[in-house]
Each structure stands twice: as structure tokens, then as C-alpha cells.
């Protein structure tokens, strides 16, 4: 069995705790996906007894617990930008040589 725990408040983290091993994992903030999974488990949020602001201590079965645990670390790789970062910059015309170019060694005599 698993328990879904949340502290009292609007924007608190939802935690999933295994009642047998006492291991817990933070699922994250309340989302539509989490609410839909809990509704399938028989817990109607913002219904008669459970509201979003209250403290939660809901018991769910193993199947729902594993489904909620899969929502804990939903990371996606960022899309790789494949564009080339080469900009066609006009080259400096070295045909005009002034004294500073000669002193700094930037002048080319072609």
C-alpha cells in the first residue's frame, strides 16, 4: 500500500510514501495528471471531503502508487539546436594601411 501525503496549503509538494518500507518520494506540485490518477483511485479532490488546501493523507493501492511514482522524475531532454552559428561577417579590407596597423603588426602588404 501507498499513501499520498501533502501538507496544508495551496502550493505544497505531494509526497508518495510506501507504507511497508517507509520509503517516500516527492512527486511534485499538484498537477492535472496527479489529480486524474487520484480520481481513478476513488479520491475526488475538491469534492465533499478533500480539498486542494487541506492536508492529505490518502491511501492508494500498489498500481496507483507505481503510476504516481512514475510522475516523480519526468525530465525531458532539451531539443538540440542544429542551426549553424556561422555569421557571414565582412572581412576588414587591409589594402589601406595606416601607421597603427604597421606598429601593431596588423598590416598585410599584398
N, C-alpha and C. Protein backbone atom coordinates (compact mmCIF):
# COMPACT_ATOMS: atom_id res chain seq x y z
N UNK A 1 0.83 -1.19 0.00
CA UNK A 1 0.00 0.00 0.00
C UNK A 1 0.88 1.25 0.00
N UNK A 2 0.31 2.28 -0.52
CA UNK A 2 0.99 3.56 -0.58
C UNK A 2 0.10 4.63 0.04
N UNK A 3 0.72 5.72 0.48
CA UNK A 3 0.00 6.88 0.98
C UNK A 3 0.42 8.10 0.16
N UNK A 4 -0.55 8.93 -0.16
CA UNK A 4 -0.27 10.21 -0.81
C UNK A 4 -0.41 11.27 0.26
N UNK A 5 0.69 11.98 0.52
CA UNK A 5 0.73 12.97 1.59
C UNK A 5 0.96 14.36 1.02
N UNK A 6 0.30 15.35 1.65
CA UNK A 6 0.51 16.75 1.28
C UNK A 6 0.27 17.58 2.51
N UNK A 7 1.12 18.56 2.72
CA UNK A 7 0.94 19.48 3.84
C UNK A 7 -0.20 20.43 3.53
N UNK A 8 -0.68 21.11 4.56
CA UNK A 8 -1.78 22.05 4.39
C UNK A 8 -1.29 23.29 3.64
N UNK A 9 -2.00 23.68 2.60
CA UNK A 9 -1.63 24.85 1.80
C UNK A 9 -1.91 24.62 0.33
N UNK A 10 -1.83 25.69 -0.42
CA UNK A 10 -2.16 25.63 -1.84
C UNK A 10 -1.03 25.07 -2.69
N UNK A 11 0.17 25.53 -2.50
CA UNK A 11 1.27 25.24 -3.42
C UNK A 11 2.32 24.34 -2.77
N UNK A 12 1.87 23.30 -2.09
CA UNK A 12 2.78 22.41 -1.38
C UNK A 12 3.10 21.18 -2.23
N UNK A 13 4.22 20.54 -1.91
CA UNK A 13 4.63 19.33 -2.63
C UNK A 13 3.78 18.14 -2.22
N UNK A 14 3.54 17.25 -3.17
CA UNK A 14 2.83 16.00 -2.91
C UNK A 14 3.88 14.90 -2.79
N UNK A 15 3.77 14.10 -1.74
CA UNK A 15 4.74 13.04 -1.46
C UNK A 15 4.03 11.70 -1.50
N UNK A 16 4.70 10.71 -2.08
CA UNK A 16 4.19 9.34 -2.12
C UNK A 16 5.02 8.51 -1.16
N UNK A 17 4.36 7.85 -0.21
CA UNK A 17 5.08 7.07 0.79
C UNK A 17 4.63 5.62 0.73
N UNK A 18 5.61 4.70 0.69
CA UNK A 18 5.32 3.27 0.76
C UNK A 18 5.13 2.92 2.22
N UNK A 19 3.96 2.39 2.58
CA UNK A 19 3.67 2.12 3.99
C UNK A 19 4.43 0.92 4.53
N UNK A 20 4.85 0.02 3.66
CA UNK A 20 5.57 -1.17 4.12
C UNK A 20 7.04 -0.87 4.39
N UNK A 21 7.69 -0.16 3.46
CA UNK A 21 9.13 0.10 3.61
C UNK A 21 9.42 1.48 4.17
N UNK A 22 8.42 2.32 4.32
CA UNK A 22 8.54 3.70 4.81
C UNK A 22 9.41 4.57 3.90
N UNK A 23 9.57 4.15 2.65
CA UNK A 23 10.30 4.97 1.67
C UNK A 23 9.34 6.00 1.10
N UNK A 24 9.85 7.20 0.87
CA UNK A 24 8.98 8.25 0.32
C UNK A 24 9.68 8.95 -0.84
N UNK A 25 8.86 9.45 -1.74
CA UNK A 25 9.36 10.16 -2.91
C UNK A 25 8.48 11.37 -3.14
N UNK A 26 9.11 12.49 -3.45
CA UNK A 26 8.36 13.72 -3.72
C UNK A 26 7.92 13.69 -5.18
N UNK A 27 6.62 13.74 -5.39
CA UNK A 27 6.08 13.72 -6.75
C UNK A 27 6.17 15.10 -7.37
N UNK A 28 5.94 16.12 -6.59
CA UNK A 28 5.99 17.49 -7.09
C UNK A 28 4.74 18.25 -6.69
N UNK A 29 4.50 19.35 -7.35
CA UNK A 29 3.30 20.15 -7.07
C UNK A 29 2.07 19.46 -7.64
N UNK A 30 0.91 19.89 -7.19
CA UNK A 30 -0.34 19.32 -7.67
C UNK A 30 -0.50 19.64 -9.15
N UNK A 31 -0.74 18.62 -9.95
CA UNK A 31 -0.96 18.81 -11.38
C UNK A 31 -2.23 18.08 -11.80
N UNK A 32 -2.66 18.35 -13.01
CA UNK A 32 -3.86 17.71 -13.53
C UNK A 32 -3.66 16.20 -13.64
N UNK A 33 -2.47 15.78 -14.04
CA UNK A 33 -2.18 14.34 -14.16
C UNK A 33 -2.33 13.64 -12.81
N UNK A 34 -1.78 14.25 -11.76
CA UNK A 34 -1.87 13.66 -10.43
C UNK A 34 -3.31 13.60 -9.97
N UNK A 35 -4.07 14.67 -10.22
CA UNK A 35 -5.47 14.70 -9.82
C UNK A 35 -6.29 13.64 -10.57
N UNK A 36 -5.99 13.44 -11.85
CA UNK A 36 -6.71 12.42 -12.62
C UNK A 36 -6.40 11.02 -12.12
N UNK A 37 -5.16 10.76 -11.76
CA UNK A 37 -4.78 9.45 -11.24
C UNK A 37 -5.46 9.20 -9.89
N UNK A 38 -5.50 10.23 -9.03
CA UNK A 38 -6.16 10.07 -7.74
C UNK A 38 -7.67 9.91 -7.89
N UNK A 39 -8.25 10.53 -8.90
CA UNK A 39 -9.68 10.39 -9.14
C UNK A 39 -10.01 8.97 -9.59
N UNK A 40 -9.12 8.37 -10.40
CA UNK A 40 -9.32 6.98 -10.81
C UNK A 40 -9.21 6.03 -9.62
N UNK A 41 -8.42 6.46 -8.61
CA UNK A 41 -8.27 5.64 -7.40
C UNK A 41 -9.45 5.79 -6.46
N UNK A 42 -10.36 6.72 -6.75
CA UNK A 42 -11.55 6.88 -5.92
C UNK A 42 -11.49 8.08 -5.00
N UNK A 43 -10.45 8.90 -5.10
CA UNK A 43 -10.33 10.10 -4.25
C UNK A 43 -10.70 11.31 -5.09
N UNK A 44 -11.88 11.86 -4.84
CA UNK A 44 -12.36 13.02 -5.60
C UNK A 44 -11.85 14.28 -4.88
N UNK A 45 -10.93 15.00 -5.52
CA UNK A 45 -10.37 16.23 -4.95
C UNK A 45 -11.35 17.36 -5.23
N UNK A 46 -11.48 18.28 -4.29
CA UNK A 46 -12.46 19.37 -4.32
C UNK A 46 -13.87 18.81 -4.39
N UNK A 47 -14.04 17.66 -3.79
CA UNK A 47 -15.35 17.04 -3.69
C UNK A 47 -15.94 17.35 -2.32
N UNK A 48 -16.47 16.34 -1.71
CA UNK A 48 -17.13 16.55 -0.42
C UNK A 48 -16.15 16.60 0.74
N UNK A 49 -15.11 15.78 0.70
CA UNK A 49 -14.25 15.68 1.89
C UNK A 49 -12.83 16.20 1.67
N UNK A 50 -12.31 16.15 0.47
CA UNK A 50 -10.91 16.51 0.23
C UNK A 50 -10.87 17.78 -0.63
N UNK A 51 -10.13 18.77 -0.17
CA UNK A 51 -9.94 19.99 -0.97
C UNK A 51 -8.46 20.18 -1.24
N UNK A 52 -8.15 21.08 -2.16
CA UNK A 52 -6.76 21.32 -2.55
C UNK A 52 -5.95 21.98 -1.44
N UNK A 53 -6.60 22.70 -0.54
CA UNK A 53 -5.89 23.43 0.52
C UNK A 53 -5.65 22.59 1.76
N UNK A 54 -6.39 21.51 1.91
CA UNK A 54 -6.29 20.69 3.12
C UNK A 54 -5.03 19.84 3.12
N UNK A 55 -4.75 19.27 4.28
CA UNK A 55 -3.67 18.30 4.39
C UNK A 55 -4.19 16.96 3.90
N UNK A 56 -3.36 16.26 3.10
CA UNK A 56 -3.78 14.98 2.53
C UNK A 56 -3.07 13.84 3.23
N UNK A 57 -3.79 12.76 3.44
CA UNK A 57 -3.24 11.50 3.92
C UNK A 57 -4.10 10.42 3.29
N UNK A 58 -3.91 10.19 1.98
CA UNK A 58 -4.76 9.30 1.20
C UNK A 58 -4.07 7.97 0.98
N UNK A 59 -4.81 6.89 1.14
CA UNK A 59 -4.26 5.56 0.88
C UNK A 59 -4.64 5.14 -0.54
N UNK A 60 -3.65 4.63 -1.28
CA UNK A 60 -3.88 4.13 -2.64
C UNK A 60 -3.26 2.74 -2.75
N UNK A 61 -3.69 1.99 -3.76
CA UNK A 61 -3.17 0.64 -3.93
C UNK A 61 -1.82 0.67 -4.66
N UNK A 62 -1.24 -0.50 -4.87
CA UNK A 62 0.10 -0.59 -5.46
C UNK A 62 0.13 -0.10 -6.90
N UNK A 63 -0.90 -0.40 -7.66
CA UNK A 63 -0.93 0.01 -9.07
C UNK A 63 -0.94 1.53 -9.20
N UNK A 64 -1.79 2.19 -8.43
CA UNK A 64 -1.86 3.65 -8.47
C UNK A 64 -0.58 4.25 -7.90
N UNK A 65 -0.02 3.64 -6.89
CA UNK A 65 1.23 4.14 -6.30
C UNK A 65 2.38 4.10 -7.28
N UNK A 66 2.48 3.02 -8.04
CA UNK A 66 3.56 2.93 -9.04
C UNK A 66 3.34 3.91 -10.18
N UNK A 67 2.08 4.15 -10.53
CA UNK A 67 1.79 5.13 -11.58
C UNK A 67 2.13 6.54 -11.12
N UNK A 68 1.85 6.84 -9.85
CA UNK A 68 2.22 8.15 -9.31
C UNK A 68 3.74 8.29 -9.18
N UNK A 69 4.42 7.22 -8.83
CA UNK A 69 5.87 7.26 -8.70
C UNK A 69 6.54 7.53 -10.04
N UNK A 70 5.91 7.09 -11.13
CA UNK A 70 6.50 7.36 -12.45
C UNK A 70 6.40 8.83 -12.83
N UNK A 71 5.52 9.58 -12.17
CA UNK A 71 5.37 11.01 -12.44
C UNK A 71 6.39 11.85 -11.69
N UNK A 72 7.18 11.23 -10.82
CA UNK A 72 8.08 11.97 -9.94
C UNK A 72 9.22 12.64 -10.70
N UNK A 73 9.87 11.95 -11.59
CA UNK A 73 11.05 12.49 -12.27
C UNK A 73 10.80 12.55 -13.77
N UNK A 74 9.84 13.31 -14.18
CA UNK A 74 9.56 13.42 -15.60
C UNK A 74 10.45 14.50 -16.20
N UNK A 75 11.63 14.11 -16.59
CA UNK A 75 12.57 15.03 -17.22
C UNK A 75 12.65 14.71 -18.70
N UNK A 76 12.73 15.72 -19.48
CA UNK A 76 12.89 15.52 -20.92
C UNK A 76 14.17 16.20 -21.37
N UNK A 77 14.77 15.65 -22.38
CA UNK A 77 15.97 16.26 -22.92
C UNK A 77 15.59 17.50 -23.71
N UNK A 78 16.36 18.55 -23.60
CA UNK A 78 16.05 19.73 -24.40
C UNK A 78 16.30 19.45 -25.88
N UNK A 79 15.56 20.12 -26.70
CA UNK A 79 15.71 19.95 -28.14
C UNK A 79 17.03 20.58 -28.56
N UNK A 80 17.82 19.81 -29.26
CA UNK A 80 19.14 20.27 -29.68
C UNK A 80 19.00 21.22 -30.86
N UNK A 81 19.62 22.36 -30.73
CA UNK A 81 19.57 23.36 -31.78
C UNK A 81 20.62 23.01 -32.83
N UNK A 82 20.20 22.63 -34.02
CA UNK A 82 21.10 22.15 -35.04
C UNK A 82 21.51 23.23 -36.03
N UNK A 83 21.08 24.45 -35.77
CA UNK A 83 21.45 25.51 -36.69
C UNK A 83 22.94 25.84 -36.57
N UNK A 84 23.52 26.18 -37.66
CA UNK A 84 24.92 26.59 -37.66
C UNK A 84 24.99 28.03 -37.18
N UNK A 85 25.99 28.32 -36.37
CA UNK A 85 26.11 29.64 -35.78
C UNK A 85 27.11 30.49 -36.54
N UNK A 86 27.30 30.21 -37.80
CA UNK A 86 28.25 30.99 -38.59
C UNK A 86 27.52 32.19 -39.18
N UNK A 87 28.05 33.31 -38.91
CA UNK A 87 27.52 34.52 -39.50
C UNK A 87 28.53 35.02 -40.52
N UNK A 88 28.05 35.42 -41.64
CA UNK A 88 28.94 35.93 -42.67
C UNK A 88 29.28 37.38 -42.35
N UNK A 89 30.41 37.52 -41.68
CA UNK A 89 30.87 38.86 -41.33
C UNK A 89 31.79 39.35 -42.45
N UNK A 90 31.61 40.57 -42.86
CA UNK A 90 32.51 41.08 -43.90
C UNK A 90 33.93 41.23 -43.34
N UNK A 91 34.88 40.79 -44.12
CA UNK A 91 36.28 40.89 -43.69
C UNK A 91 36.76 42.32 -43.85
N UNK A 92 37.66 42.67 -42.95
CA UNK A 92 38.22 44.01 -42.99
C UNK A 92 39.17 44.13 -44.19
N UNK A 93 39.01 45.20 -44.89
CA UNK A 93 39.85 45.45 -46.06
C UNK A 93 41.21 45.96 -45.59
N UNK A 94 42.28 45.16 -45.83
CA UNK A 94 43.62 45.52 -45.39
C UNK A 94 44.43 46.23 -46.46
N UNK A 95 43.76 46.68 -47.51
CA UNK A 95 44.54 47.37 -48.54
C UNK A 95 44.92 48.77 -48.10
N UNK A 96 44.16 49.35 -47.22
CA UNK A 96 44.51 50.67 -46.69
C UNK A 96 45.33 50.46 -45.42
N UNK A 97 46.57 50.82 -45.47
CA UNK A 97 47.47 50.62 -44.34
C UNK A 97 47.72 51.98 -43.71
N UNK A 98 47.48 52.04 -42.38
CA UNK A 98 47.82 53.28 -41.68
C UNK A 98 48.93 52.98 -40.67
N UNK A 99 49.36 53.97 -39.96
CA UNK A 99 50.52 53.84 -39.08
C UNK A 99 50.28 52.89 -37.91
N UNK A 100 49.05 52.88 -37.36
CA UNK A 100 48.78 52.00 -36.21
C UNK A 100 48.81 50.53 -36.63
N UNK A 101 48.33 50.22 -37.84
CA UNK A 101 48.39 48.83 -38.32
C UNK A 101 49.83 48.37 -38.46
N UNK A 102 50.69 49.27 -38.91
CA UNK A 102 52.11 48.93 -39.07
C UNK A 102 52.75 48.69 -37.70
N UNK A 103 52.43 49.57 -36.72
CA UNK A 103 53.00 49.43 -35.39
C UNK A 103 52.52 48.16 -34.69
N UNK A 104 51.27 47.82 -34.86
CA UNK A 104 50.71 46.64 -34.19
C UNK A 104 50.94 45.36 -34.97
N UNK A 105 51.42 45.43 -36.17
CA UNK A 105 51.71 44.25 -36.97
C UNK A 105 50.48 43.68 -37.65
N UNK A 106 49.44 44.50 -37.82
CA UNK A 106 48.22 44.03 -38.45
C UNK A 106 48.18 44.28 -39.95
N UNK A 107 49.11 45.01 -40.43
CA UNK A 107 49.11 45.37 -41.84
C UNK A 107 49.58 44.20 -42.69
N UNK A 108 48.94 44.01 -43.83
CA UNK A 108 49.40 42.99 -44.78
C UNK A 108 49.71 43.71 -46.08
N UNK A 109 50.86 43.39 -46.67
CA UNK A 109 51.32 44.09 -47.85
C UNK A 109 51.16 43.18 -49.05
N UNK A 110 50.04 43.13 -49.65
CA UNK A 110 49.81 42.28 -50.80
C UNK A 110 49.62 43.12 -52.03
